Amino acid sequence: MKTLHFDHIRCPLHRYTFSVKAIRNWVEQTCEGRVLNLFAGPTKLTVDETRNDRDPAMPAGHHQDALEFLRNWSGKKFNTILLDPPYAYRKSMEFYKGIICSPFRQLKDAIPDCLEPGGLVVTFGYHSVVMGRNRNFWLERLALFSHGGAIHDTIASAERYQQAPPNPPRKGGLSADFKNNNYE
């Protein structure tokens, strides 16, 4: 039976997610192999990281729109892709100099072309399943970063790219692990 790993971590909120030590540690422990950080920000991770950030002031080797980066990448595929875009239009305007990221659905559709089979996509936002089963991703790990008070929690999901379900559904319906873990 497939197990979903869940972490609940209390920590402060910061506009640059990975600058928070508890979040950075979780990310570094979750990442595997070659890592693409599509919305890198100022914090460098202690992983084999290729950094992209649309803001030319950020310390990154690439300064492209995330979708443009994925569509034009001709290098070796990545084992992990990190997605930590501004979660909302308002956040883009207030905290990120008005820089708006690519349409998220198109971004998600382009990711498999740059990810090794069996690779991970780690996404930060307000949702727990981002890539989804329709793109052949299976939720393995979920983290809830609780910031306290009236501040929204941050949710991080780690989804594995597989061509087939980890436990194929039994004839006549979904297996219990799919039903219990809401693989959608």
C-alpha atoms as a PDB file:
ATOM      1  CA  MET A   1       0.000   0.000   0.000  1.00  0.00           C
ATOM      2  CA  LYS A   2       1.281   3.496  -0.840  1.00  0.00           C
ATOM      3  CA  THR A   3       1.917   5.803   2.088  1.00  0.00           C
ATOM      4  CA  LEU A   4       1.536   9.547   1.968  1.00  0.00           C
ATOM      5  CA  HIS A   5       4.131  11.280   4.138  1.00  0.00           C
ATOM      6  CA  PHE A   6       2.823  14.367   5.960  1.00  0.00           C
ATOM      7  CA  ASP A   7       4.839  17.058   7.776  1.00  0.00           C
ATOM      8  CA  HIS A   8       3.409  19.856   9.911  1.00  0.00           C
ATOM      9  CA  ILE A   9       5.947  22.607  10.601  1.00  0.00           C
ATOM     10  CA  ARG A  10       5.426  25.878  12.462  1.00  0.00           C
ATOM     11  CA  CYS A  11       7.532  28.715  11.076  1.00  0.00           C
ATOM     12  CA  PRO A  12       7.365  32.400  10.143  1.00  0.00           C
ATOM     13  CA  LEU A  13       6.168  33.614   6.765  1.00  0.00           C
ATOM     14  CA  HIS A  14       8.465  35.501   4.407  1.00  0.00           C
ATOM     15  CA  ARG A  15       7.904  36.644   0.842  1.00  0.00           C
ATOM     16  CA  TYR A  16      10.965  34.611  -0.172  1.00  0.00           C
ATOM     17  CA  THR A  17       9.778  31.191   0.941  1.00  0.00           C
ATOM     18  CA  PHE A  18      13.174  29.457   0.998  1.00  0.00           C
ATOM     19  CA  SER A  19      14.732  32.160   3.192  1.00  0.00           C
ATOM     20  CA  VAL A  20      12.809  30.612   6.130  1.00  0.00           C
ATOM     21  CA  LYS A  21      15.184  28.060   7.654  1.00  0.00           C
ATOM     22  CA  ALA A  22      12.546  25.396   8.422  1.00  0.00           C
ATOM     23  CA  ILE A  23      11.166  25.544   4.877  1.00  0.00           C
ATOM     24  CA  ARG A  24      14.630  25.596   3.286  1.00  0.00           C
ATOM     25  CA  ASN A  25      15.632  22.511   5.341  1.00  0.00           C
ATOM     26  CA  TRP A  26      12.471  20.647   4.286  1.00  0.00           C
ATOM     27  CA  VAL A  27      13.078  21.497   0.627  1.00  0.00           C
ATOM     28  CA  GLU A  28      16.734  20.454   0.714  1.00  0.00           C
ATOM     29  CA  GLN A  29      15.805  17.127   2.353  1.00  0.00           C
ATOM     30  CA  THR A  30      13.018  16.501  -0.191  1.00  0.00           C
ATOM     31  CA  CYS A  31      14.962  17.325  -3.372  1.00  0.00           C
ATOM     32  CA  GLU A  32      16.637  14.558  -5.346  1.00  0.00           C
ATOM     33  CA  GLY A  33      19.508  14.795  -7.854  1.00  0.00           C
ATOM     34  CA  ARG A  34      19.625  17.675 -10.319  1.00  0.00           C
ATOM     35  CA  VAL A  35      17.201  20.409  -9.247  1.00  0.00           C
ATOM     36  CA  LEU A  36      15.543  23.123 -11.320  1.00  0.00           C
ATOM     37  CA  ASN A  37      14.360  26.051  -9.216  1.00  0.00           C
ATOM     38  CA  LEU A  38      12.061  27.922 -11.627  1.00  0.00           C
ATOM     39  CA  PHE A  39      11.293  30.867  -9.300  1.00  0.00           C
ATOM     40  CA  ALA A  40      14.607  30.953  -7.443  1.00  0.00           C
ATOM     41  CA  GLY A  41      14.504  34.239  -5.543  1.00  0.00           C
ATOM     42  CA  PRO A  42      17.550  35.264  -3.497  1.00  0.00           C
ATOM     43  CA  THR A  43      18.097  32.071  -1.449  1.00  0.00           C
ATOM     44  CA  LYS A  44      20.561  29.540  -2.826  1.00  0.00           C
ATOM     45  CA  LEU A  45      19.857  25.971  -1.762  1.00  0.00           C
ATOM     46  CA  THR A  46      22.518  23.399  -0.833  1.00  0.00           C
ATOM     47  CA  VAL A  47      21.493  21.064  -3.671  1.00  0.00           C
ATOM     48  CA  ASP A  48      22.663  20.642  -7.292  1.00  0.00           C
ATOM     49  CA  GLU A  49      20.545  23.614  -8.339  1.00  0.00           C
ATOM     50  CA  THR A  50      19.902  25.269 -11.709  1.00  0.00           C
ATOM     51  CA  ARG A  51      18.402  28.648 -10.864  1.00  0.00           C
ATOM     52  CA  ASN A  52      15.921  30.659 -12.908  1.00  0.00           C
ATOM     53  CA  ASP A  53      14.257  33.870 -11.805  1.00  0.00           C
ATOM     54  CA  ARG A  54      12.582  36.387 -14.081  1.00  0.00           C
ATOM     55  CA  ASP A  55      13.957  39.240 -11.974  1.00  0.00           C
ATOM     56  CA  PRO A  56      17.473  40.072 -13.259  1.00  0.00           C
ATOM     57  CA  ALA A  57      18.433  41.319  -9.777  1.00  0.00           C
ATOM     58  CA  MET A  58      18.186  37.759  -8.377  1.00  0.00           C
ATOM     59  CA  PRO A  59      21.256  35.496  -8.210  1.00  0.00           C
ATOM     60  CA  ALA A  60      20.326  33.048 -10.956  1.00  0.00           C
ATOM     61  CA  GLY A  61      22.030  31.679 -14.045  1.00  0.00           C
ATOM     62  CA  HIS A  62      18.836  32.219 -16.059  1.00  0.00           C
ATOM     63  CA  HIS A  63      16.429  35.170 -16.076  1.00  0.00           C
ATOM     64  CA  GLN A  64      13.519  33.996 -18.199  1.00  0.00           C
ATOM     65  CA  ASP A  65       9.804  33.616 -17.833  1.00  0.00           C
ATOM     66  CA  ALA A  66       9.331  30.120 -16.350  1.00  0.00           C
ATOM     67  CA  LEU A  67       7.300  28.834 -19.315  1.00  0.00           C
ATOM     68  CA  GLU A  68       9.834  30.193 -21.788  1.00  0.00           C
ATOM     69  CA  PHE A  69      12.599  28.488 -19.796  1.00  0.00           C
ATOM     70  CA  LEU A  70      10.841  25.102 -19.879  1.00  0.00           C
ATOM     71  CA  ARG A  71       9.954  25.312 -23.562  1.00  0.00           C
ATOM     72  CA  ASN A  72      13.508  26.233 -24.555  1.00  0.00           C
ATOM     73  CA  TRP A  73      15.499  23.986 -22.200  1.00  0.00           C
ATOM     74  CA  SER A  74      17.742  21.674 -24.235  1.00  0.00           C
ATOM     75  CA  GLY A  75      20.002  20.428 -21.452  1.00  0.00           C
ATOM     76  CA  LYS A  76      19.830  17.295 -19.361  1.00  0.00           C
ATOM     77  CA  LYS A  77      16.483  16.578 -17.704  1.00  0.00           C
ATOM     78  CA  PHE A  78      16.064  17.312 -14.007  1.00  0.00           C
ATOM     79  CA  ASN A  79      15.333  14.930 -11.122  1.00  0.00           C
ATOM     80  CA  THR A  80      13.432  17.592  -9.144  1.00  0.00           C
ATOM     81  CA  ILE A  81      11.640  20.751 -10.235  1.00  0.00           C
ATOM     82  CA  LEU A  82      10.723  23.372  -7.625  1.00  0.00           C
ATOM     83  CA  LEU A  83       7.687  25.572  -8.204  1.00  0.00           C
ATOM     84  CA  ASP A  84       7.311  28.485  -5.813  1.00  0.00           C
ATOM     85  CA  PRO A  85       5.617  31.172  -7.900  1.00  0.00           C
ATOM     86  CA  PRO A  86       3.761  34.145  -6.458  1.00  0.00           C
ATOM     87  CA  TYR A  87       0.546  32.460  -5.287  1.00  0.00           C
ATOM     88  CA  ALA A  88      -1.754  35.257  -6.345  1.00  0.00           C
ATOM     89  CA  TYR A  89      -1.933  38.281  -8.623  1.00  0.00           C
ATOM     90  CA  ARG A  90      -1.952  40.594  -5.595  1.00  0.00           C
ATOM     91  CA  LYS A  91       1.296  39.053  -4.302  1.00  0.00           C
ATOM     92  CA  SER A  92       2.908  39.598  -7.695  1.00  0.00           C
ATOM     93  CA  MET A  93       2.000  43.252  -7.630  1.00  0.00           C
ATOM     94  CA  GLU A  94       2.891  43.927  -3.974  1.00  0.00           C
ATOM     95  CA  PHE A  95       6.011  41.860  -3.447  1.00  0.00           C
ATOM     96  CA  TYR A  96       7.546  41.007  -6.818  1.00  0.00           C
ATOM     97  CA  LYS A  97       7.750  44.334  -8.676  1.00  0.00           C
ATOM     98  CA  GLY A  98       4.617  43.489 -10.658  1.00  0.00           C
ATOM     99  CA  ILE A  99       6.326  40.510 -12.319  1.00  0.00           C
ATOM    100  CA  ILE A 100       3.585  38.046 -13.193  1.00  0.00           C
ATOM    101  CA  CYS A 101       4.437  34.408 -13.848  1.00  0.00           C
ATOM    102  CA  SER A 102       3.316  32.313 -16.807  1.00  0.00           C
ATOM    103  CA  PRO A 103      -0.164  30.813 -16.929  1.00  0.00           C
ATOM    104  CA  PHE A 104       0.157  28.017 -14.371  1.00  0.00           C
ATOM    105  CA  ARG A 105      -1.719  25.380 -16.376  1.00  0.00           C
ATOM    106  CA  GLN A 106       0.625  25.810 -19.358  1.00  0.00           C
ATOM    107  CA  LEU A 107       3.599  25.711 -17.005  1.00  0.00           C
ATOM    108  CA  LYS A 108       2.434  22.397 -15.515  1.00  0.00           C
ATOM    109  CA  ASP A 109       1.861  20.933 -18.991  1.00  0.00           C
ATOM    110  CA  ALA A 110       5.453  21.818 -20.017  1.00  0.00           C
ATOM    111  CA  ILE A 111       7.162  20.338 -16.944  1.00  0.00           C
ATOM    112  CA  PRO A 112       7.224  16.633 -17.957  1.00  0.00           C
ATOM    113  CA  ASP A 113       9.429  17.478 -20.972  1.00  0.00           C
ATOM    114  CA  CYS A 114      12.168  18.677 -18.591  1.00  0.00           C
ATOM    115  CA  LEU A 115      11.749  16.048 -15.841  1.00  0.00           C
ATOM    116  CA  GLU A 116      13.281  12.578 -15.680  1.00  0.00           C
ATOM    117  CA  PRO A 117      10.797   9.698 -15.358  1.00  0.00           C
ATOM    118  CA  GLY A 118      10.477   9.039 -11.623  1.00  0.00           C
ATOM    119  CA  GLY A 119      11.368  12.672 -10.877  1.00  0.00           C
ATOM    120  CA  LEU A 120       9.694  14.974  -8.351  1.00  0.00           C
ATOM    121  CA  VAL A 121       7.848  18.236  -8.667  1.00  0.00           C
ATOM    122  CA  VAL A 122       7.721  20.156  -5.392  1.00  0.00           C
ATOM    123  CA  THR A 123       5.110  22.912  -5.433  1.00  0.00           C
ATOM    124  CA  PHE A 124       4.363  25.623  -2.894  1.00  0.00           C
ATOM    125  CA  GLY A 125       0.993  27.340  -2.738  1.00  0.00           C
ATOM    126  CA  TYR A 126      -2.495  26.998  -1.319  1.00  0.00           C
ATOM    127  CA  HIS A 127      -3.313  23.607  -2.918  1.00  0.00           C
ATOM    128  CA  SER A 128      -2.130  20.101  -2.084  1.00  0.00           C
ATOM    129  CA  VAL A 129      -2.368  18.410  -5.484  1.00  0.00           C
ATOM    130  CA  VAL A 130      -0.916  20.498  -8.268  1.00  0.00           C
ATOM    131  CA  MET A 131       0.467  18.370 -11.108  1.00  0.00           C
ATOM    132  CA  GLY A 132      -2.167  15.655 -10.699  1.00  0.00           C
ATOM    133  CA  ARG A 133      -2.921  12.181 -11.912  1.00  0.00           C
ATOM    134  CA  ASN A 134      -3.989  13.355 -15.376  1.00  0.00           C
ATOM    135  CA  ARG A 135      -0.331  14.325 -15.981  1.00  0.00           C
ATOM    136  CA  ASN A 136       0.923  11.027 -14.441  1.00  0.00           C
ATOM    137  CA  PHE A 137       1.979  12.502 -11.107  1.00  0.00           C
ATOM    138  CA  TRP A 138       1.339  10.816  -7.775  1.00  0.00           C
ATOM    139  CA  LEU A 139       1.343  12.641  -4.451  1.00  0.00           C
ATOM    140  CA  GLU A 140       4.026  11.273  -2.107  1.00  0.00           C
ATOM    141  CA  ARG A 141       4.695  13.974   0.424  1.00  0.00           C
ATOM    142  CA  LEU A 142       2.729  16.875   1.816  1.00  0.00           C
ATOM    143  CA  ALA A 143       3.908  19.613   4.170  1.00  0.00           C
ATOM    144  CA  LEU A 144       1.818  22.192   5.941  1.00  0.00           C
ATOM    145  CA  PHE A 145       3.812  25.226   7.066  1.00  0.00           C
ATOM    146  CA  SER A 146       1.763  26.921   9.760  1.00  0.00           C
ATOM    147  CA  HIS A 147       2.568  30.615  10.142  1.00  0.00           C
ATOM    148  CA  GLY A 148       0.166  31.289  13.024  1.00  0.00           C
ATOM    149  CA  GLY A 149      -2.478  33.901  13.639  1.00  0.00           C
ATOM    150  CA  ALA A 150      -4.559  35.060  10.703  1.00  0.00           C
ATOM    151  CA  ILE A 151      -1.864  34.193   8.149  1.00  0.00           C
ATOM    152  CA  HIS A 152      -2.721  31.491   5.601  1.00  0.00           C
ATOM    153  CA  ASP A 153      -0.713  28.286   5.870  1.00  0.00           C
ATOM    154  CA  THR A 154       1.665  27.407   3.054  1.00  0.00           C
ATOM    155  CA  ILE A 155       1.180  23.960   1.521  1.00  0.00           C
ATOM    156  CA  ALA A 156       4.003  22.102  -0.200  1.00  0.00           C
ATOM    157  CA  SER A 157       3.373  18.972  -2.236  1.00  0.00           C
ATOM    158  CA  ALA A 158       5.933  16.555  -3.647  1.00  0.00           C
ATOM    159  CA  GLU A 159       4.527  14.606  -6.581  1.00  0.00           C
ATOM    160  CA  ARG A 160       6.364  11.810  -8.394  1.00  0.00           C
ATOM    161  CA  TYR A 161       6.236  11.536 -12.189  1.00  0.00           C
ATOM    162  CA  GLN A 162       5.320   7.958 -13.141  1.00  0.00           C
ATOM    163  CA  GLN A 163       3.813   6.436 -16.229  1.00  0.00           C
ATOM    164  CA  ALA A 164       1.605   4.115 -14.158  1.00  0.00           C
ATOM    165  CA  PRO A 165       0.081   4.339 -10.687  1.00  0.00           C
ATOM    166  CA  PRO A 166       2.320   3.111  -7.839  1.00  0.00           C
ATOM    167  CA  ASN A 167      -0.394   0.546  -6.953  1.00  0.00           C
ATOM    168  CA  PRO A 168      -2.615  -0.041  -9.997  1.00  0.00           C
ATOM    169  CA  PRO A 169      -6.331   0.239  -9.272  1.00  0.00           C
ATOM    170  CA  ARG A 170      -8.082  -3.075  -8.751  1.00  0.00           C
ATOM    171  CA  LYS A 171     -10.724  -4.162 -11.204  1.00  0.00           C
ATOM    172  CA  GLY A 172     -13.975  -2.438 -10.390  1.00  0.00           C
ATOM    173  CA  GLY A 173     -12.603   0.758  -8.874  1.00  0.00           C
ATOM    174  CA  LEU A 174      -9.806   2.511  -7.093  1.00  0.00           C
ATOM    175  CA  SER A 175      -7.696   0.751  -4.510  1.00  0.00           C
ATOM    176  CA  ALA A 176      -8.079   1.844  -0.887  1.00  0.00           C
ATOM    177  CA  ASP A 177      -4.852   3.864  -0.927  1.00  0.00           C
ATOM    178  CA  PHE A 178      -6.092   5.957  -3.853  1.00  0.00           C
ATOM    179  CA  LYS A 179      -9.462   6.553  -2.168  1.00  0.00           C
ATOM    180  CA  ASN A 180      -7.913   7.475   1.172  1.00  0.00           C
ATOM    181  CA  ASN A 181      -5.253   9.781  -0.247  1.00  0.00           C
ATOM    182  CA  ASN A 182      -7.412  11.490  -2.882  1.00  0.00           C
ATOM    183  CA  TYR A 183      -5.126  10.940  -5.851  1.00  0.00           C
ATOM    184  CA  GLU A 184      -6.658  13.269  -8.421  1.00  0.00           C
END
